[in-house]
């Protein structure tokens, strides 16, 4: 198998997506694998992360490989002025794969072009987060029994929310309908709506969480990401725009499940956790199995 990276969800065909999901199911049934013993994988996190970094590093360990890297770029030679190009070329000499999160859009694509090993994008600014998308798909498949013909309501930060951008593209293979619930300042960017138009996929836009809450199979909540705003006043205007409470779920579809890439702030009240619709903690757990599947696939083992 030739060297392949995962930078955008568009790097995987529909068939590859389904293969990864099926492999993830196998790993959920048997978490401990050792077929990557002797491999070394770099975990390079230039931006803070909890779930993504820990689940990737756990996945690496569960597969029998070793992990090296950092979770704080200030402790690296980047703080001395080393370029990303030089960092990637240097690390490539030591490892079999690089998992990287970086605040700049396009940084992971650039890294993949400079690296001599596969690169997995663990998030690059407001651009893409493909491993999150695959675990979202896995969670949707678990809860709905299918990926076909579902109505997905994306709520919150649709402008900077890289998870929504990636999920939209991935779900385009499966004939969905989208509801975009966001304030004017955080609407889904034009290029993603044009992408849906080109595919003939229906979407509705609203600013009210109440409008279509009872008409979706998946309610995909997101937090308003303070770190993406250059204008503090703009963030203050929209930071608490939506708050989902258990009392709002009385008339939702029986099969409806609430997903969230986490961390949450105020957008999902804790009383929602005890409803049968909350699925975000299981969704986070699924990240382990899906990332095991991504790593093993890109290294040519599954």
C-alpha atoms as a PDB file:
ATOM      1  CA  UNK A   1       0.000   0.000   0.000  1.00  0.00           C
ATOM      2  CA  UNK A   2       1.408   3.413  -0.970  1.00  0.00           C
ATOM      3  CA  UNK A   3       1.784   6.091   1.688  1.00  0.00           C
ATOM      4  CA  UNK A   4      -1.604   7.681   2.395  1.00  0.00           C
ATOM      5  CA  UNK A   5      -2.481  10.427   4.844  1.00  0.00           C
ATOM      6  CA  UNK A   6      -5.787  11.557   6.338  1.00  0.00           C
ATOM      7  CA  UNK A   7      -5.920  15.335   6.184  1.00  0.00           C
ATOM      8  CA  UNK A   8      -9.474  15.922   5.004  1.00  0.00           C
ATOM      9  CA  UNK A   9     -12.408  13.545   5.143  1.00  0.00           C
ATOM     10  CA  UNK A  10     -12.332  13.909   1.355  1.00  0.00           C
ATOM     11  CA  UNK A  11      -9.116  11.867   1.349  1.00  0.00           C
ATOM     12  CA  UNK A  12     -11.211   8.770   2.062  1.00  0.00           C
ATOM     13  CA  UNK A  13     -13.672   7.317  -0.421  1.00  0.00           C
ATOM     14  CA  UNK A  14     -17.084   6.127   0.718  1.00  0.00           C
ATOM     15  CA  UNK A  15     -15.731   2.584   0.651  1.00  0.00           C
ATOM     16  CA  UNK A  16     -12.755   3.513   2.812  1.00  0.00           C
ATOM     17  CA  UNK A  17     -15.030   5.268   5.299  1.00  0.00           C
ATOM     18  CA  UNK A  18     -17.209   2.171   5.627  1.00  0.00           C
ATOM     19  CA  UNK A  19     -14.116  -0.044   5.939  1.00  0.00           C
ATOM     20  CA  UNK A  20     -12.787   2.058   8.830  1.00  0.00           C
ATOM     21  CA  UNK A  21     -16.176   1.945  10.576  1.00  0.00           C
ATOM     22  CA  UNK A  22     -16.337  -1.832  10.245  1.00  0.00           C
ATOM     23  CA  UNK A  23     -12.789  -2.167  11.588  1.00  0.00           C
ATOM     24  CA  UNK A  24     -13.674   0.113  14.502  1.00  0.00           C
ATOM     25  CA  UNK A  25     -16.495  -2.264  15.391  1.00  0.00           C
ATOM     26  CA  UNK A  26     -13.957  -5.119  15.591  1.00  0.00           C
ATOM     27  CA  UNK A  27     -11.724  -3.050  17.865  1.00  0.00           C
ATOM     28  CA  UNK A  28     -14.636  -2.182  20.133  1.00  0.00           C
ATOM     29  CA  UNK A  29     -15.169  -5.897  20.643  1.00  0.00           C
ATOM     30  CA  UNK A  30     -11.448  -6.478  21.263  1.00  0.00           C
ATOM     31  CA  UNK A  31      -9.553  -3.389  22.419  1.00  0.00           C
ATOM     32  CA  UNK A  32      -6.168  -4.991  23.011  1.00  0.00           C
ATOM     33  CA  UNK A  33      -4.160  -5.613  19.841  1.00  0.00           C
ATOM     34  CA  UNK A  34      -0.397  -5.855  19.438  1.00  0.00           C
ATOM     35  CA  UNK A  35       0.141  -6.081  15.700  1.00  0.00           C
ATOM     36  CA  UNK A  36       1.865  -2.671  15.584  1.00  0.00           C
ATOM     37  CA  UNK A  37       4.558  -3.736  18.043  1.00  0.00           C
ATOM     38  CA  UNK A  38       7.844  -2.148  16.987  1.00  0.00           C
ATOM     39  CA  UNK A  39       6.162   0.864  15.363  1.00  0.00           C
ATOM     40  CA  UNK A  40       6.635   4.403  16.699  1.00  0.00           C
ATOM     41  CA  UNK A  41       4.035   7.135  16.161  1.00  0.00           C
ATOM     42  CA  UNK A  42       4.514  10.844  16.837  1.00  0.00           C
ATOM     43  CA  UNK A  43       1.773  12.799  18.614  1.00  0.00           C
ATOM     44  CA  UNK A  44       2.438  16.468  17.824  1.00  0.00           C
ATOM     45  CA  UNK A  45      -0.099  18.773  19.441  1.00  0.00           C
ATOM     46  CA  UNK A  46       0.674  22.432  18.804  1.00  0.00           C
ATOM     47  CA  UNK A  47      -2.742  23.302  20.264  1.00  0.00           C
ATOM     48  CA  UNK A  48      -4.446  22.158  23.513  1.00  0.00           C
ATOM     49  CA  UNK A  49      -6.472  18.962  23.418  1.00  0.00           C
ATOM     50  CA  UNK A  50      -7.835  16.421  25.874  1.00  0.00           C
ATOM     51  CA  UNK A  51     -10.053  13.821  24.159  1.00  0.00           C
ATOM     52  CA  UNK A  52      -8.349  13.811  20.759  1.00  0.00           C
ATOM     53  CA  UNK A  53      -4.800  13.564  22.079  1.00  0.00           C
ATOM     54  CA  UNK A  54      -5.542  11.030  24.804  1.00  0.00           C
ATOM     55  CA  UNK A  55      -7.666   8.819  22.568  1.00  0.00           C
ATOM     56  CA  UNK A  56      -5.032   8.825  19.825  1.00  0.00           C
ATOM     57  CA  UNK A  57      -2.285   8.001  22.306  1.00  0.00           C
ATOM     58  CA  UNK A  58      -4.406   5.298  23.916  1.00  0.00           C
ATOM     59  CA  UNK A  59      -5.144   3.869  20.467  1.00  0.00           C
ATOM     60  CA  UNK A  60      -1.425   3.769  19.694  1.00  0.00           C
ATOM     61  CA  UNK A  61      -0.705   1.941  22.933  1.00  0.00           C
ATOM     62  CA  UNK A  62      -3.609  -0.491  22.461  1.00  0.00           C
ATOM     63  CA  UNK A  63      -2.185  -1.412  19.058  1.00  0.00           C
ATOM     64  CA  UNK A  64       1.188  -2.213  20.584  1.00  0.00           C
ATOM     65  CA  UNK A  65       3.082   0.758  19.135  1.00  0.00           C
ATOM     66  CA  UNK A  66       5.039   3.375  21.051  1.00  0.00           C
ATOM     67  CA  UNK A  67       4.190   7.058  21.112  1.00  0.00           C
ATOM     68  CA  UNK A  68       6.512  10.075  21.258  1.00  0.00           C
ATOM     69  CA  UNK A  69       5.703  13.751  20.957  1.00  0.00           C
ATOM     70  CA  UNK A  70       4.472  16.776  22.861  1.00  0.00           C
ATOM     71  CA  UNK A  71       1.279  18.472  23.983  1.00  0.00           C
ATOM     72  CA  UNK A  72       2.741  21.969  24.329  1.00  0.00           C
ATOM     73  CA  UNK A  73       4.617  23.579  21.455  1.00  0.00           C
ATOM     74  CA  UNK A  74       6.292  26.035  23.845  1.00  0.00           C
ATOM     75  CA  UNK A  75       8.524  23.187  24.991  1.00  0.00           C
ATOM     76  CA  UNK A  76       9.793  22.462  21.482  1.00  0.00           C
ATOM     77  CA  UNK A  77      12.274  24.044  19.080  1.00  0.00           C
ATOM     78  CA  UNK A  78       9.360  25.933  17.511  1.00  0.00           C
ATOM     79  CA  UNK A  79       9.742  28.323  20.439  1.00  0.00           C
ATOM     80  CA  UNK A  80      13.289  28.947  19.148  1.00  0.00           C
ATOM     81  CA  UNK A  81      12.030  29.764  15.683  1.00  0.00           C
ATOM     82  CA  UNK A  82      12.179  26.357  13.990  1.00  0.00           C
ATOM     83  CA  UNK A  83       9.813  26.164  11.025  1.00  0.00           C
ATOM     84  CA  UNK A  84       7.000  23.629  10.771  1.00  0.00           C
ATOM     85  CA  UNK A  85       8.730  22.217   7.683  1.00  0.00           C
ATOM     86  CA  UNK A  86      11.930  21.495   9.600  1.00  0.00           C
ATOM     87  CA  UNK A  87      10.032  20.028  12.558  1.00  0.00           C
ATOM     88  CA  UNK A  88       8.102  17.639  10.307  1.00  0.00           C
ATOM     89  CA  UNK A  89      11.149  16.568   8.312  1.00  0.00           C
ATOM     90  CA  UNK A  90      13.083  15.911  11.506  1.00  0.00           C
ATOM     91  CA  UNK A  91      10.280  13.957  13.204  1.00  0.00           C
ATOM     92  CA  UNK A  92       9.699  11.905  10.026  1.00  0.00           C
ATOM     93  CA  UNK A  93      13.163  10.421  10.502  1.00  0.00           C
ATOM     94  CA  UNK A  94      12.146   8.917  13.840  1.00  0.00           C
ATOM     95  CA  UNK A  95       8.632   7.548  13.368  1.00  0.00           C
ATOM     96  CA  UNK A  96       6.255   5.528  11.192  1.00  0.00           C
ATOM     97  CA  UNK A  97       3.349   7.997  11.384  1.00  0.00           C
ATOM     98  CA  UNK A  98       2.608  11.545  12.577  1.00  0.00           C
ATOM     99  CA  UNK A  99      -0.622  12.620  14.295  1.00  0.00           C
ATOM    100  CA  UNK A 100      -0.765  16.420  14.378  1.00  0.00           C
ATOM    101  CA  UNK A 101      -3.011  19.183  15.681  1.00  0.00           C
ATOM    102  CA  UNK A 102      -2.157  22.760  14.732  1.00  0.00           C
ATOM    103  CA  UNK A 103      -4.023  26.086  14.995  1.00  0.00           C
ATOM    104  CA  UNK A 104      -3.332  27.140  11.388  1.00  0.00           C
ATOM    105  CA  UNK A 105      -5.663  26.063   8.594  1.00  0.00           C
ATOM    106  CA  UNK A 106      -3.811  24.077   5.958  1.00  0.00           C
ATOM    107  CA  UNK A 107      -0.926  23.171   8.275  1.00  0.00           C
ATOM    108  CA  UNK A 108      -1.673  19.445   8.208  1.00  0.00           C
ATOM    109  CA  UNK A 109      -1.838  19.329   4.419  1.00  0.00           C
ATOM    110  CA  UNK A 110       1.487  21.133   4.294  1.00  0.00           C
ATOM    111  CA  UNK A 111       2.957  18.701   6.834  1.00  0.00           C
ATOM    112  CA  UNK A 112       1.795  15.715   4.775  1.00  0.00           C
ATOM    113  CA  UNK A 113       3.598  17.119   1.747  1.00  0.00           C
ATOM    114  CA  UNK A 114       6.850  17.462   3.694  1.00  0.00           C
ATOM    115  CA  UNK A 115       6.656  14.216   5.680  1.00  0.00           C
ATOM    116  CA  UNK A 116       8.017  10.868   4.494  1.00  0.00           C
ATOM    117  CA  UNK A 117       5.429   9.008   6.613  1.00  0.00           C
ATOM    118  CA  UNK A 118       1.604   9.135   6.810  1.00  0.00           C
ATOM    119  CA  UNK A 119       0.122  12.163   8.576  1.00  0.00           C
ATOM    120  CA  UNK A 120      -3.222  12.245  10.376  1.00  0.00           C
ATOM    121  CA  UNK A 121      -4.842  15.633  10.828  1.00  0.00           C
ATOM    122  CA  UNK A 122      -6.089  15.867  14.418  1.00  0.00           C
ATOM    123  CA  UNK A 123      -7.511  19.337  13.721  1.00  0.00           C
ATOM    124  CA  UNK A 124      -6.122  22.342  11.836  1.00  0.00           C
ATOM    125  CA  UNK A 125      -7.719  25.580  12.920  1.00  0.00           C
ATOM    126  CA  UNK A 126     -11.296  25.998  11.712  1.00  0.00           C
ATOM    127  CA  UNK A 127     -10.644  23.773   8.719  1.00  0.00           C
ATOM    128  CA  UNK A 128     -11.047  19.985   9.171  1.00  0.00           C
ATOM    129  CA  UNK A 129     -11.073  17.297  11.863  1.00  0.00           C
ATOM    130  CA  UNK A 130     -11.472  14.024   9.921  1.00  0.00           C
ATOM    131  CA  UNK A 131     -10.892  11.539  12.757  1.00  0.00           C
ATOM    132  CA  UNK A 132     -13.654  13.267  14.746  1.00  0.00           C
ATOM    133  CA  UNK A 133     -15.881  12.938  11.706  1.00  0.00           C
ATOM    134  CA  UNK A 134     -15.261   9.207  11.462  1.00  0.00           C
ATOM    135  CA  UNK A 135     -16.104   8.685  15.128  1.00  0.00           C
ATOM    136  CA  UNK A 136     -19.217  10.824  14.589  1.00  0.00           C
ATOM    137  CA  UNK A 137     -20.219   8.566  11.709  1.00  0.00           C
ATOM    138  CA  UNK A 138     -19.569   5.503  13.842  1.00  0.00           C
ATOM    139  CA  UNK A 139     -21.772   6.943  16.595  1.00  0.00           C
ATOM    140  CA  UNK A 140     -24.533   7.795  14.131  1.00  0.00           C
ATOM    141  CA  UNK A 141     -24.407   4.289  12.685  1.00  0.00           C
ATOM    142  CA  UNK A 142     -24.538   2.776  16.189  1.00  0.00           C
ATOM    143  CA  UNK A 143     -27.601   4.776  17.172  1.00  0.00           C
ATOM    144  CA  UNK A 144     -29.570   4.778  13.923  1.00  0.00           C
ATOM    145  CA  UNK A 145     -28.581   1.450  12.398  1.00  0.00           C
ATOM    146  CA  UNK A 146     -27.858   3.225   9.106  1.00  0.00           C
ATOM    147  CA  UNK A 147     -26.169   6.296   7.662  1.00  0.00           C
ATOM    148  CA  UNK A 148     -28.675   6.623   4.829  1.00  0.00           C
ATOM    149  CA  UNK A 149     -31.382   9.277   4.572  1.00  0.00           C
ATOM    150  CA  UNK A 150     -30.989  10.871   8.003  1.00  0.00           C
ATOM    151  CA  UNK A 151     -31.892  14.405   9.074  1.00  0.00           C
ATOM    152  CA  UNK A 152     -29.039  16.077  10.941  1.00  0.00           C
ATOM    153  CA  UNK A 153     -29.499  19.333  12.832  1.00  0.00           C
ATOM    154  CA  UNK A 154     -26.154  21.113  13.346  1.00  0.00           C
ATOM    155  CA  UNK A 155     -26.337  23.737  16.098  1.00  0.00           C
ATOM    156  CA  UNK A 156     -24.049  26.546  17.225  1.00  0.00           C
ATOM    157  CA  UNK A 157     -20.734  27.520  15.715  1.00  0.00           C
ATOM    158  CA  UNK A 158     -21.076  26.480  12.091  1.00  0.00           C
ATOM    159  CA  UNK A 159     -18.661  29.127  10.834  1.00  0.00           C
ATOM    160  CA  UNK A 160     -15.531  28.044  12.726  1.00  0.00           C
ATOM    161  CA  UNK A 161     -16.658  24.543  13.744  1.00  0.00           C
ATOM    162  CA  UNK A 162     -14.324  22.220  11.845  1.00  0.00           C
ATOM    163  CA  UNK A 163     -16.230  19.154  13.054  1.00  0.00           C
ATOM    164  CA  UNK A 164     -19.400  20.307  11.302  1.00  0.00           C
ATOM    165  CA  UNK A 165     -17.521  21.042   8.084  1.00  0.00           C
ATOM    166  CA  UNK A 166     -16.004  17.567   7.963  1.00  0.00           C
ATOM    167  CA  UNK A 167     -19.229  15.805   8.973  1.00  0.00           C
ATOM    168  CA  UNK A 168     -21.204  17.616   6.296  1.00  0.00           C
ATOM    169  CA  UNK A 169     -18.810  16.395   3.619  1.00  0.00           C
ATOM    170  CA  UNK A 170     -18.737  12.827   4.907  1.00  0.00           C
ATOM    171  CA  UNK A 171     -22.515  12.526   5.193  1.00  0.00           C
ATOM    172  CA  UNK A 172     -22.919  13.712   1.600  1.00  0.00           C
ATOM    173  CA  UNK A 173     -22.288  10.087   0.561  1.00  0.00           C
ATOM    174  CA  UNK A 174     -25.468   8.977   2.341  1.00  0.00           C
ATOM    175  CA  UNK A 175     -28.342  11.192   1.066  1.00  0.00           C
ATOM    176  CA  UNK A 176     -28.908  13.286   4.209  1.00  0.00           C
ATOM    177  CA  UNK A 177     -30.979  16.353   4.936  1.00  0.00           C
ATOM    178  CA  UNK A 178     -29.383  19.111   7.004  1.00  0.00           C
ATOM    179  CA  UNK A 179     -30.753  21.748   9.345  1.00  0.00           C
ATOM    180  CA  UNK A 180     -28.270  24.518  10.134  1.00  0.00           C
ATOM    181  CA  UNK A 181     -29.129  26.281  13.403  1.00  0.00           C
ATOM    182  CA  UNK A 182     -26.835  29.237  14.003  1.00  0.00           C
ATOM    183  CA  UNK A 183     -26.867  32.981  14.643  1.00  0.00           C
ATOM    184  CA  UNK A 184     -26.109  35.184  11.649  1.00  0.00           C
ATOM    185  CA  UNK A 185     -22.524  35.677  12.836  1.00  0.00           C
ATOM    186  CA  UNK A 186     -21.837  31.922  12.874  1.00  0.00           C
ATOM    187  CA  UNK A 187     -23.733  30.637   9.830  1.00  0.00           C
ATOM    188  CA  UNK A 188     -22.423  27.744   7.747  1.00  0.00           C
ATOM    189  CA  UNK A 189     -19.879  29.213   5.295  1.00  0.00           C
ATOM    190  CA  UNK A 190     -20.963  29.735   1.716  1.00  0.00           C
ATOM    191  CA  UNK A 191     -18.524  27.215   0.245  1.00  0.00           C
ATOM    192  CA  UNK A 192     -20.068  24.331   2.219  1.00  0.00           C
ATOM    193  CA  UNK A 193     -23.581  25.275   1.164  1.00  0.00           C
ATOM    194  CA  UNK A 194     -22.395  25.448  -2.442  1.00  0.00           C
ATOM    195  CA  UNK A 195     -20.927  21.965  -1.977  1.00  0.00           C
ATOM    196  CA  UNK A 196     -24.338  20.673  -0.870  1.00  0.00           C
ATOM    197  CA  UNK A 197     -26.034  22.472  -3.756  1.00  0.00           C
ATOM    198  CA  UNK A 198     -23.682  20.740  -6.187  1.00  0.00           C
ATOM    199  CA  UNK A 199     -24.710  17.380  -4.707  1.00  0.00           C
ATOM    200  CA  UNK A 200     -28.425  18.159  -4.708  1.00  0.00           C
ATOM    201  CA  UNK A 201     -28.585  17.802  -0.907  1.00  0.00           C
ATOM    202  CA  UNK A 202     -31.373  19.674   0.906  1.00  0.00           C
ATOM    203  CA  UNK A 203     -30.640  22.024   3.807  1.00  0.00           C
ATOM    204  CA  UNK A 204     -32.603  24.513   5.875  1.00  0.00           C
ATOM    205  CA  UNK A 205     -31.168  27.457   7.800  1.00  0.00           C
ATOM    206  CA  UNK A 206     -32.634  28.887  11.001  1.00  0.00           C
ATOM    207  CA  UNK A 207     -31.540  30.970  13.964  1.00  0.00           C
ATOM    208  CA  UNK A 208     -33.936  29.281  16.411  1.00  0.00           C
ATOM    209  CA  UNK A 209     -33.163  26.015  18.208  1.00  0.00           C
ATOM    210  CA  UNK A 210     -36.900  25.427  18.743  1.00  0.00           C
ATOM    211  CA  UNK A 211     -37.813  25.524  15.044  1.00  0.00           C
ATOM    212  CA  UNK A 212     -36.731  22.038  13.973  1.00  0.00           C
ATOM    213  CA  UNK A 213     -35.745  20.329  17.217  1.00  0.00           C
ATOM    214  CA  UNK A 214     -38.470  17.705  16.802  1.00  0.00           C
ATOM    215  CA  UNK A 215     -37.679  16.946  13.156  1.00  0.00           C
ATOM    216  CA  UNK A 216     -34.165  15.500  13.321  1.00  0.00           C
ATOM    217  CA  UNK A 217     -32.557  12.104  13.855  1.00  0.00           C
ATOM    218  CA  UNK A 218     -29.262  13.575  15.053  1.00  0.00           C
ATOM    219  CA  UNK A 219     -28.894  16.807  17.013  1.00  0.00           C
ATOM    220  CA  UNK A 220     -25.259  17.817  16.634  1.00  0.00           C
ATOM    221  CA  UNK A 221     -24.482  20.473  19.247  1.00  0.00           C
ATOM    222  CA  UNK A 222     -21.275  22.525  19.210  1.00  0.00           C
ATOM    223  CA  UNK A 223     -19.743  25.064  21.529  1.00  0.00           C
ATOM    224  CA  UNK A 224     -18.927  28.603  20.442  1.00  0.00           C
ATOM    225  CA  UNK A 225     -15.137  28.481  20.263  1.00  0.00           C
ATOM    226  CA  UNK A 226     -13.612  31.517  21.912  1.00  0.00           C
ATOM    227  CA  UNK A 227     -10.162  30.678  20.560  1.00  0.00           C
ATOM    228  CA  UNK A 228     -11.353  31.166  16.958  1.00  0.00           C
ATOM    229  CA  UNK A 229     -12.528  34.763  17.456  1.00  0.00           C
ATOM    230  CA  UNK A 230     -10.277  37.731  16.723  1.00  0.00           C
ATOM    231  CA  UNK A 231     -12.916  40.154  18.057  1.00  0.00           C
ATOM    232  CA  UNK A 232     -13.707  39.569  21.785  1.00  0.00           C
ATOM    233  CA  UNK A 233     -16.937  41.562  21.485  1.00  0.00           C
ATOM    234  CA  UNK A 234     -18.206  39.283  18.708  1.00  0.00           C
ATOM    235  CA  UNK A 235     -17.593  36.269  20.963  1.00  0.00           C
ATOM    236  CA  UNK A 236     -19.451  37.902  23.866  1.00  0.00           C
ATOM    237  CA  UNK A 237     -22.478  38.517  21.648  1.00  0.00           C
ATOM    238  CA  UNK A 238     -22.876  34.877  20.623  1.00  0.00           C
ATOM    239  CA  UNK A 239     -21.242  32.745  23.334  1.00  0.00           C
ATOM    240  CA  UNK A 240     -24.510  31.796  25.078  1.00  0.00           C
ATOM    241  CA  UNK A 241     -26.847  31.917  22.108  1.00  0.00           C
ATOM    242  CA  UNK A 242     -28.151  28.337  22.536  1.00  0.00           C
ATOM    243  CA  UNK A 243     -28.756  26.228  25.618  1.00  0.00           C
ATOM    244  CA  UNK A 244     -30.343  22.785  25.334  1.00  0.00           C
ATOM    245  CA  UNK A 245     -32.306  21.667  28.396  1.00  0.00           C
ATOM    246  CA  UNK A 246     -34.060  18.384  29.140  1.00  0.00           C
ATOM    247  CA  UNK A 247     -37.468  20.098  29.198  1.00  0.00           C
ATOM    248  CA  UNK A 248     -37.035  20.926  25.505  1.00  0.00           C
ATOM    249  CA  UNK A 249     -36.896  17.249  24.498  1.00  0.00           C
ATOM    250  CA  UNK A 250     -40.468  16.201  25.275  1.00  0.00           C
ATOM    251  CA  UNK A 251     -41.584  15.901  21.648  1.00  0.00           C
ATOM    252  CA  UNK A 252     -38.409  14.815  19.865  1.00  0.00           C
ATOM    253  CA  UNK A 253     -38.239  11.642  17.767  1.00  0.00           C
ATOM    254  CA  UNK A 254     -37.775   8.437  19.769  1.00  0.00           C
ATOM    255  CA  UNK A 255     -34.619   7.587  17.821  1.00  0.00           C
ATOM    256  CA  UNK A 256     -33.087  11.045  18.174  1.00  0.00           C
ATOM    257  CA  UNK A 257     -29.596  11.195  19.674  1.00  0.00           C
ATOM    258  CA  UNK A 258     -27.570  14.216  20.779  1.00  0.00           C
ATOM    259  CA  UNK A 259     -23.932  14.347  19.724  1.00  0.00           C
ATOM    260  CA  UNK A 260     -21.286  16.873  20.702  1.00  0.00           C
ATOM    261  CA  UNK A 261     -17.542  16.844  19.885  1.00  0.00           C
ATOM    262  CA  UNK A 262     -16.853  18.192  23.395  1.00  0.00           C
ATOM    263  CA  UNK A 263     -15.804  20.013  25.474  1.00  0.00           C
ATOM    264  CA  UNK A 264     -19.169  21.577  26.236  1.00  0.00           C
ATOM    265  CA  UNK A 265     -19.561  24.860  28.066  1.00  0.00           C
ATOM    266  CA  UNK A 266     -23.159  26.072  28.519  1.00  0.00           C
ATOM    267  CA  UNK A 267     -24.793  24.775  25.328  1.00  0.00           C
ATOM    268  CA  UNK A 268     -26.012  21.485  26.864  1.00  0.00           C
ATOM    269  CA  UNK A 269     -27.424  21.605  30.372  1.00  0.00           C
ATOM    270  CA  UNK A 270     -26.290  18.785  32.650  1.00  0.00           C
ATOM    271  CA  UNK A 271     -29.895  17.651  33.099  1.00  0.00           C
ATOM    272  CA  UNK A 272     -29.775  16.439  29.488  1.00  0.00           C
ATOM    273  CA  UNK A 273     -27.142  13.854  30.508  1.00  0.00           C
ATOM    274  CA  UNK A 274     -29.779  11.692  32.166  1.00  0.00           C
ATOM    275  CA  UNK A 275     -32.131  11.576  29.177  1.00  0.00           C
ATOM    276  CA  UNK A 276     -32.155   8.649  26.720  1.00  0.00           C
ATOM    277  CA  UNK A 277     -31.135  11.070  23.959  1.00  0.00           C
ATOM    278  CA  UNK A 278     -27.689  11.985  25.305  1.00  0.00           C
ATOM    279  CA  UNK A 279     -24.942  10.116  23.468  1.00  0.00           C
ATOM    280  CA  UNK A 280     -21.939  12.447  23.629  1.00  0.00           C
ATOM    281  CA  UNK A 281     -19.964  10.545  26.271  1.00  0.00           C
ATOM    282  CA  UNK A 282     -20.306   7.266  24.372  1.00  0.00           C
ATOM    283  CA  UNK A 283     -19.398   9.249  21.252  1.00  0.00           C
ATOM    284  CA  UNK A 284     -16.134  10.293  22.935  1.00  0.00           C
ATOM    285  CA  UNK A 285     -15.414   6.679  23.892  1.00  0.00           C
ATOM    286  CA  UNK A 286     -15.902   5.683  20.266  1.00  0.00           C
ATOM    287  CA  UNK A 287     -12.943   7.855  19.384  1.00  0.00           C
ATOM    288  CA  UNK A 288     -10.626   5.155  20.711  1.00  0.00           C
ATOM    289  CA  UNK A 289     -11.929   2.421  18.412  1.00  0.00           C
ATOM    290  CA  UNK A 290     -12.140   4.622  15.356  1.00  0.00           C
ATOM    291  CA  UNK A 291      -8.639   6.004  15.817  1.00  0.00           C
ATOM    292  CA  UNK A 292      -7.285   2.473  16.238  1.00  0.00           C
ATOM    293  CA  UNK A 293      -8.927   1.689  12.903  1.00  0.00           C
ATOM    294  CA  UNK A 294      -7.525   4.800  11.187  1.00  0.00           C
ATOM    295  CA  UNK A 295      -3.975   4.114  12.360  1.00  0.00           C
ATOM    296  CA  UNK A 296      -4.010   0.444  11.392  1.00  0.00           C
ATOM    297  CA  UNK A 297      -5.549   1.217   7.982  1.00  0.00           C
ATOM    298  CA  UNK A 298      -3.046   3.946   7.079  1.00  0.00           C
ATOM    299  CA  UNK A 299      -0.145   1.715   8.094  1.00  0.00           C
ATOM    300  CA  UNK A 300      -1.486  -1.034   5.851  1.00  0.00           C
ATOM    301  CA  UNK A 301      -2.453  -3.545   8.522  1.00  0.00           C
ATOM    302  CA  UNK A 302      -6.270  -3.599   8.242  1.00  0.00           C
END
